[in-house]
C-alpha atoms as a PDB file:
ATOM      1  CA  MET A   1      -0.187  -0.083  -0.216  1.00  0.00           C
ATOM      2  CA  LYS A   2       2.908   2.409   1.047  1.00  0.00           C
ATOM      3  CA  LEU A   3       4.420   1.650  -2.176  1.00  0.00           C
ATOM      4  CA  GLN A   4       1.534   2.420  -4.263  1.00  0.00           C
ATOM      5  CA  PHE A   5       0.745   5.574  -2.841  1.00  0.00           C
ATOM      6  CA  LEU A   6       4.422   6.985  -3.092  1.00  0.00           C
ATOM      7  CA  LYS A   7       4.374   6.270  -6.775  1.00  0.00           C
ATOM      8  CA  GLN A   8       2.022   8.692  -7.505  1.00  0.00           C
ATOM      9  CA  LEU A   9       3.201  11.251  -5.531  1.00  0.00           C
ATOM     10  CA  PRO A  10       4.653  14.155  -7.258  1.00  0.00           C
ATOM     11  CA  LEU A  11       7.606  13.977  -5.028  1.00  0.00           C
ATOM     12  CA  PHE A  12       8.762  10.609  -5.399  1.00  0.00           C
ATOM     13  CA  ALA A  13       7.329  10.310  -8.897  1.00  0.00           C
ATOM     14  CA  HIS A  14      10.768  10.246 -10.381  1.00  0.00           C
ATOM     15  CA  LEU A  15      11.952   7.383  -8.544  1.00  0.00           C
ATOM     16  CA  ASN A  16      12.292   3.701  -9.935  1.00  0.00           C
ATOM     17  CA  LYS A  17      10.565   0.867  -8.371  1.00  0.00           C
ATOM     18  CA  GLU A  18      13.861  -0.277  -6.406  1.00  0.00           C
ATOM     19  CA  ARG A  19      14.170   3.172  -4.833  1.00  0.00           C
ATOM     20  CA  LEU A  20      10.662   3.327  -3.889  1.00  0.00           C
ATOM     21  CA  GLU A  21      11.105   0.176  -2.342  1.00  0.00           C
ATOM     22  CA  ASP A  22      13.439   1.870  -0.178  1.00  0.00           C
ATOM     23  CA  VAL A  23      11.752   5.001   0.802  1.00  0.00           C
ATOM     24  CA  ALA A  24       8.777   2.827   1.540  1.00  0.00           C
ATOM     25  CA  THR A  25      10.706   0.837   4.343  1.00  0.00           C
ATOM     26  CA  SER A  26      11.344   4.451   6.057  1.00  0.00           C
ATOM     27  CA  PHE A  27       7.886   5.308   6.072  1.00  0.00           C
ATOM     28  CA  GLU A  28       5.561   4.946   8.654  1.00  0.00           C
ATOM     29  CA  LEU A  29       1.638   4.324   8.071  1.00  0.00           C
ATOM     30  CA  ARG A  30      -1.070   5.267  10.518  1.00  0.00           C
ATOM     31  CA  SER A  31      -4.500   5.946  10.862  1.00  0.00           C
ATOM     32  CA  TYR A  32      -6.242   9.054  12.964  1.00  0.00           C
ATOM     33  CA  CYS A  33      -9.690   9.215  13.876  1.00  0.00           C
ATOM     34  CA  LYS A  34     -11.666  12.689  13.036  1.00  0.00           C
ATOM     35  CA  ASN A  35     -10.510  15.496  15.365  1.00  0.00           C
ATOM     36  CA  GLU A  36      -7.362  13.362  16.683  1.00  0.00           C
ATOM     37  CA  ILE A  37      -4.289  15.623  17.128  1.00  0.00           C
ATOM     38  CA  ILE A  38      -1.475  14.690  14.491  1.00  0.00           C
ATOM     39  CA  PHE A  39       1.466  17.058  15.728  1.00  0.00           C
ATOM     40  CA  GLN A  40       0.834  19.959  18.400  1.00  0.00           C
ATOM     41  CA  GLU A  41       2.576  23.653  18.076  1.00  0.00           C
ATOM     42  CA  GLY A  42       5.963  23.823  19.627  1.00  0.00           C
ATOM     43  CA  GLN A  43       6.565  19.914  19.605  1.00  0.00           C
ATOM     44  CA  GLN A  44      10.051  19.112  18.032  1.00  0.00           C
ATOM     45  CA  ALA A  45       9.657  18.797  14.382  1.00  0.00           C
ATOM     46  CA  ASP A  46      10.854  15.441  13.538  1.00  0.00           C
ATOM     47  CA  LYS A  47       8.620  14.316  10.871  1.00  0.00           C
ATOM     48  CA  LEU A  48       7.629  14.999   7.700  1.00  0.00           C
ATOM     49  CA  PHE A  49       3.928  14.272   7.318  1.00  0.00           C
ATOM     50  CA  ILE A  50       1.898  13.160   3.508  1.00  0.00           C
ATOM     51  CA  VAL A  51      -1.543  12.900   3.865  1.00  0.00           C
ATOM     52  CA  CYS A  52      -2.541   9.470   2.061  1.00  0.00           C
ATOM     53  CA  ASP A  53      -6.239  10.042   2.577  1.00  0.00           C
ATOM     54  CA  GLY A  54      -8.618  11.751   4.332  1.00  0.00           C
ATOM     55  CA  SER A  55      -8.152  15.711   5.082  1.00  0.00           C
ATOM     56  CA  VAL A  56      -6.458  17.377   8.086  1.00  0.00           C
ATOM     57  CA  LYS A  57      -6.354  21.036   9.320  1.00  0.00           C
ATOM     58  CA  VAL A  58      -2.862  23.153  10.369  1.00  0.00           C
ATOM     59  CA  PHE A  59      -3.887  25.523  13.046  1.00  0.00           C
ATOM     60  CA  LYS A  60      -3.204  27.943  15.612  1.00  0.00           C
ATOM     61  CA  SER A  61      -5.065  28.643  19.254  1.00  0.00           C
ATOM     62  CA  ASN A  62      -4.810  31.906  20.593  1.00  0.00           C
ATOM     63  CA  SER A  63      -4.569  31.974  24.815  1.00  0.00           C
ATOM     64  CA  ASP A  64      -8.586  32.076  25.073  1.00  0.00           C
ATOM     65  CA  GLY A  65      -8.699  28.895  22.523  1.00  0.00           C
ATOM     66  CA  LYS A  66      -9.786  30.574  19.826  1.00  0.00           C
ATOM     67  CA  GLU A  67      -8.917  28.256  16.620  1.00  0.00           C
ATOM     68  CA  HIS A  68      -7.865  29.757  13.624  1.00  0.00           C
ATOM     69  CA  ILE A  69      -7.274  27.550  10.430  1.00  0.00           C
ATOM     70  CA  LEU A  70      -4.010  28.192   8.166  1.00  0.00           C
ATOM     71  CA  HIS A  71      -4.374  25.284   5.947  1.00  0.00           C
ATOM     72  CA  ILE A  72      -6.756  22.593   4.650  1.00  0.00           C
ATOM     73  CA  MET A  73      -4.484  19.495   3.749  1.00  0.00           C
ATOM     74  CA  LEU A  74      -5.847  16.895   1.390  1.00  0.00           C
ATOM     75  CA  LYS A  75      -4.556  13.540  -0.114  1.00  0.00           C
ATOM     76  CA  ASN A  76      -1.253  13.740  -1.427  1.00  0.00           C
ATOM     77  CA  SER A  77      -0.714  16.823   0.447  1.00  0.00           C
ATOM     78  CA  VAL A  78       2.751  17.457   2.456  1.00  0.00           C
ATOM     79  CA  ILE A  79       2.900  18.934   5.737  1.00  0.00           C
ATOM     80  CA  ALA A  80       5.401  20.184   8.065  1.00  0.00           C
ATOM     81  CA  GLU A  81       8.183  20.254   5.238  1.00  0.00           C
ATOM     82  CA  VAL A  82       9.769  23.620   6.544  1.00  0.00           C
ATOM     83  CA  ALA A  83       9.921  23.174  10.164  1.00  0.00           C
ATOM     84  CA  MET A  84      11.516  19.722   9.232  1.00  0.00           C
ATOM     85  CA  PHE A  85      14.091  21.358   7.489  1.00  0.00           C
ATOM     86  CA  GLU A  86      15.251  23.967   9.565  1.00  0.00           C
ATOM     87  CA  GLY A  87      14.869  21.135  12.908  1.00  0.00           C
ATOM     88  CA  GLY A  88      12.885  23.512  15.082  1.00  0.00           C
ATOM     89  CA  ARG A  89       9.620  23.156  16.665  1.00  0.00           C
ATOM     90  CA  TYR A  90       6.237  22.944  14.554  1.00  0.00           C
ATOM     91  CA  PRO A  91       4.840  26.525  14.625  1.00  0.00           C
ATOM     92  CA  ALA A  92       1.264  25.178  14.213  1.00  0.00           C
ATOM     93  CA  SER A  93      -0.904  22.375  15.305  1.00  0.00           C
ATOM     94  CA  CYS A  94      -2.706  19.610  13.201  1.00  0.00           C
ATOM     95  CA  ALA A  95      -5.546  17.548  13.419  1.00  0.00           C
ATOM     96  CA  ALA A  96      -7.624  15.087  11.410  1.00  0.00           C
ATOM     97  CA  LEU A  97     -10.811  17.200   9.862  1.00  0.00           C
ATOM     98  CA  SER A  98     -11.878  13.211   8.775  1.00  0.00           C
ATOM     99  CA  ASP A  99     -11.201   9.979   9.676  1.00  0.00           C
ATOM    100  CA  SER A 100      -7.738   9.835   7.761  1.00  0.00           C
ATOM    101  CA  MET A 101      -4.419   7.913   7.292  1.00  0.00           C
ATOM    102  CA  LEU A 102      -1.020   9.363   6.909  1.00  0.00           C
ATOM    103  CA  CYS A 103       2.387   8.652   6.273  1.00  0.00           C
ATOM    104  CA  ASN A 104       5.338   9.917   7.908  1.00  0.00           C
ATOM    105  CA  ILE A 105       9.155   9.964   7.763  1.00  0.00           C
ATOM    106  CA  PRO A 106      11.448  10.867  10.331  1.00  0.00           C
ATOM    107  CA  ARG A 107      13.733  13.890   9.550  1.00  0.00           C
ATOM    108  CA  GLU A 108      17.246  12.122   9.294  1.00  0.00           C
ATOM    109  CA  LYS A 109      16.073   9.485   6.962  1.00  0.00           C
ATOM    110  CA  PHE A 110      14.632  12.144   4.890  1.00  0.00           C
ATOM    111  CA  ILE A 111      17.850  14.277   4.842  1.00  0.00           C
ATOM    112  CA  ALA A 112      19.754  11.523   3.720  1.00  0.00           C
ATOM    113  CA  LEU A 113      17.363  10.792   0.824  1.00  0.00           C
ATOM    114  CA  ILE A 114      17.796  14.577  -0.250  1.00  0.00           C
ATOM    115  CA  LYS A 115      21.574  14.143  -0.359  1.00  0.00           C
ATOM    116  CA  ASP A 116      21.028  10.443  -2.443  1.00  0.00           C
ATOM    117  CA  ASP A 117      18.716  12.138  -4.535  1.00  0.00           C
ATOM    118  CA  ALA A 118      19.004  16.009  -5.620  1.00  0.00           C
ATOM    119  CA  GLN A 119      15.442  15.539  -8.064  1.00  0.00           C
ATOM    120  CA  VAL A 120      13.907  15.197  -4.532  1.00  0.00           C
ATOM    121  CA  ALA A 121      15.223  18.289  -3.395  1.00  0.00           C
ATOM    122  CA  LEU A 122      14.004  20.128  -6.383  1.00  0.00           C
ATOM    123  CA  ASN A 123      10.307  18.581  -5.935  1.00  0.00           C
ATOM    124  CA  ILE A 124      10.553  20.160  -2.327  1.00  0.00           C
ATOM    125  CA  LEU A 125      11.579  23.323  -3.638  1.00  0.00           C
ATOM    126  CA  ALA A 126       8.597  23.415  -6.398  1.00  0.00           C
ATOM    127  CA  LEU A 127       6.213  22.175  -3.561  1.00  0.00           C
ATOM    128  CA  GLN A 128       7.382  25.540  -1.483  1.00  0.00           C
ATOM    129  CA  ALA A 129       6.757  27.868  -4.700  1.00  0.00           C
ATOM    130  CA  LYS A 130       3.206  26.305  -4.718  1.00  0.00           C
ATOM    131  CA  ARG A 131       2.835  26.855  -1.281  1.00  0.00           C
ATOM    132  CA  LEU A 132       3.725  30.319  -1.543  1.00  0.00           C
ATOM    133  CA  ARG A 133       1.203  30.926  -4.090  1.00  0.00           C
ATOM    134  CA  GLU A 134      -1.419  29.600  -1.851  1.00  0.00           C
ATOM    135  CA  PHE A 135       0.058  32.046   1.102  1.00  0.00           C
ATOM    136  CA  ALA A 136      -0.803  35.130  -1.063  1.00  0.00           C
ATOM    137  CA  LEU A 137      -4.508  33.920  -1.984  1.00  0.00           C
ATOM    138  CA  LYS A 138      -4.729  33.386   1.837  1.00  0.00           C
ATOM    139  CA  ILE A 139      -3.509  36.881   2.622  1.00  0.00           C
ATOM    140  CA  GLU A 140      -5.698  38.013  -0.201  1.00  0.00           C
ATOM    141  CA  GLN A 141      -8.727  36.780   1.512  1.00  0.00           C
ATOM    142  CA  LEU A 142      -7.984  37.780   4.789  1.00  0.00           C
ATOM    143  CA  SER A 143      -7.439  41.291   3.213  1.00  0.00           C
ATOM    144  CA  LEU A 144     -10.783  41.665   2.259  1.00  0.00           C
ATOM    145  CA  LYS A 145     -13.161  44.055   4.139  1.00  0.00           C
ATOM    146  CA  THR A 146     -16.238  42.258   4.944  1.00  0.00           C
ATOM    147  CA  ALA A 147     -16.824  38.111   6.182  1.00  0.00           C
ATOM    148  CA  GLU A 148     -19.238  38.110   3.268  1.00  0.00           C
ATOM    149  CA  GLN A 149     -16.419  38.934   1.034  1.00  0.00           C
ATOM    150  CA  LYS A 150     -13.903  36.520   2.637  1.00  0.00           C
ATOM    151  CA  PHE A 151     -16.532  33.648   1.825  1.00  0.00           C
ATOM    152  CA  LEU A 152     -17.579  34.799  -1.466  1.00  0.00           C
ATOM    153  CA  HIS A 153     -14.118  34.367  -2.203  1.00  0.00           C
ATOM    154  CA  PHE A 154     -13.626  31.301  -0.695  1.00  0.00           C
ATOM    155  CA  LEU A 155     -16.444  29.964  -2.877  1.00  0.00           C
ATOM    156  CA  LEU A 156     -14.711  31.251  -6.033  1.00  0.00           C
ATOM    157  CA  GLU A 157     -11.175  29.581  -5.107  1.00  0.00           C
ATOM    158  CA  ASN A 158     -13.139  26.359  -4.675  1.00  0.00           C
ATOM    159  CA  ALA A 159     -15.564  26.161  -7.429  1.00  0.00           C
ATOM    160  CA  SER A 160     -15.941  23.743 -10.167  1.00  0.00           C
ATOM    161  CA  THR A 161     -18.534  23.139 -13.113  1.00  0.00           C
ATOM    162  CA  GLU A 162     -19.833  19.731 -13.566  1.00  0.00           C
ATOM    163  CA  ASN A 163     -22.908  19.250 -15.917  1.00  0.00           C
ATOM    164  CA  ASN A 164     -23.233  22.761 -15.926  1.00  0.00           C
ATOM    165  CA  VAL A 165     -23.924  22.548 -12.467  1.00  0.00           C
ATOM    166  CA  THR A 166     -21.338  25.097 -10.493  1.00  0.00           C
ATOM    167  CA  ILE A 167     -20.191  23.568  -6.937  1.00  0.00           C
ATOM    168  CA  ALA A 168     -18.155  24.919  -4.232  1.00  0.00           C
ATOM    169  CA  ARG A 169     -16.605  22.284  -2.075  1.00  0.00           C
ATOM    170  CA  THR A 170     -15.921  22.948   1.599  1.00  0.00           C
ATOM    171  CA  LYS A 171     -12.849  20.702   2.057  1.00  0.00           C
ATOM    172  CA  GLY A 172     -14.776  18.690   4.772  1.00  0.00           C
ATOM    173  CA  LEU A 173     -15.303  21.659   6.738  1.00  0.00           C
ATOM    174  CA  ASN A 174     -18.074  22.117   9.320  1.00  0.00           C
ATOM    175  CA  ILE A 175     -19.677  25.665   9.994  1.00  0.00           C
ATOM    176  CA  GLN A 176     -17.541  26.384  12.721  1.00  0.00           C
ATOM    177  CA  GLU A 177     -14.613  25.084  11.232  1.00  0.00           C
ATOM    178  CA  LEU A 178     -15.043  27.034   7.978  1.00  0.00           C
ATOM    179  CA  ALA A 179     -15.467  30.242  10.376  1.00  0.00           C
ATOM    180  CA  ASN A 180     -12.260  29.549  11.953  1.00  0.00           C
ATOM    181  CA  TYR A 181     -11.013  29.662   8.416  1.00  0.00           C
ATOM    182  CA  LEU A 182     -12.156  32.849   7.234  1.00  0.00           C
ATOM    183  CA  GLY A 183     -11.632  33.999  10.540  1.00  0.00           C
ATOM    184  CA  THR A 184     -15.346  35.240  11.800  1.00  0.00           C
ATOM    185  CA  ALA A 185     -17.543  34.214  14.254  1.00  0.00           C
ATOM    186  CA  ARG A 186     -19.966  30.825  13.468  1.00  0.00           C
ATOM    187  CA  GLU A 187     -22.670  33.424  14.083  1.00  0.00           C
ATOM    188  CA  ASN A 188     -22.029  35.536  11.768  1.00  0.00           C
ATOM    189  CA  LEU A 189     -21.109  33.282   8.913  1.00  0.00           C
ATOM    190  CA  SER A 190     -24.583  31.505   9.672  1.00  0.00           C
ATOM    191  CA  ARG A 191     -26.433  34.957   8.787  1.00  0.00           C
ATOM    192  CA  ILE A 192     -24.294  34.764   5.571  1.00  0.00           C
ATOM    193  CA  ILE A 193     -25.016  32.114   4.107  1.00  0.00           C
ATOM    194  CA  ASN A 194     -28.758  32.322   4.737  1.00  0.00           C
ATOM    195  CA  LYS A 195     -28.843  35.722   3.216  1.00  0.00           C
ATOM    196  CA  LEU A 196     -27.307  34.272   0.196  1.00  0.00           C
ATOM    197  CA  VAL A 197     -29.527  31.400   0.199  1.00  0.00           C
ATOM    198  CA  ASN A 198     -32.320  33.659   0.254  1.00  0.00           C
ATOM    199  CA  ASN A 199     -31.087  36.110  -2.378  1.00  0.00           C
ATOM    200  CA  GLY A 200     -30.648  33.134  -4.520  1.00  0.00           C
ATOM    201  CA  VAL A 201     -27.119  33.481  -4.544  1.00  0.00           C
ATOM    202  CA  ILE A 202     -26.115  30.161  -3.368  1.00  0.00           C
ATOM    203  CA  GLU A 203     -28.352  26.393  -2.592  1.00  0.00           C
ATOM    204  CA  LYS A 204     -26.789  24.176   0.697  1.00  0.00           C
ATOM    205  CA  HIS A 205     -25.154  20.801  -1.204  1.00  0.00           C
ATOM    206  CA  GLU A 206     -23.711  17.662   0.649  1.00  0.00           C
ATOM    207  CA  ASN A 207     -20.365  18.530  -0.573  1.00  0.00           C
ATOM    208  CA  GLY A 208     -21.162  22.439  -0.243  1.00  0.00           C
ATOM    209  CA  PHE A 209     -22.992  25.001  -2.115  1.00  0.00           C
ATOM    210  CA  LEU A 210     -23.966  24.869  -5.337  1.00  0.00           C
ATOM    211  CA  ILE A 211     -23.667  28.574  -6.872  1.00  0.00           C
ATOM    212  CA  ALA A 212     -26.141  30.131  -9.125  1.00  0.00           C
ATOM    213  CA  ASN A 213     -24.648  31.011 -13.031  1.00  0.00           C
ATOM    214  CA  ASN A 214     -25.290  34.770 -12.473  1.00  0.00           C
ATOM    215  CA  TRP A 215     -23.658  34.864  -9.055  1.00  0.00           C
ATOM    216  CA  ARG A 216     -20.861  37.464  -9.789  1.00  0.00           C
ATOM    217  CA  LYS A 217     -23.305  39.606 -10.643  1.00  0.00           C
ATOM    218  CA  ILE A 218     -25.338  40.241  -7.612  1.00  0.00           C
END
């Protein structure tokens, strides 16, 4: 199972079967229940994580316990690569959004892999470039003035058209988690959603929201 999973990852796609088998022996595969903590802010960053199945959130909590979600990581996502390279501590916490399976590799083994194969290092750099673009989008989202603008921006980012129907998927987030991700209160987000539903802009869907064809004009 580990070999099949690693083979489809861009990080290791260039490796031949023999090298993949070698890498697979270094990885630990582990299941996590929904809401289970994977690692906590401040812990030693001694492992790299990859989502095999399910979804996880990377978040920070303030002194009052209020949570702000920084990233939603889906299947094939690589987690904590920067902190692991630095050899410091995790700057945020990570928990499963759904029942999930992750594989991890200890820092020393991954560093050794990079020393043996420069292409892995280049793939990590490409991953970092992608992550920087995602941060730019996140900053753009946070710079929007109102919670409604942030929510509509989130819908736009996650919208896709299937069979002439536009669906914005919420990445498995419930209303509270989506509010934490957007930096607003749950009650406020619920009011915004109800307003948009009543105005015919969106319609609730099991995987997120159906979006009206003329929604950008509203």
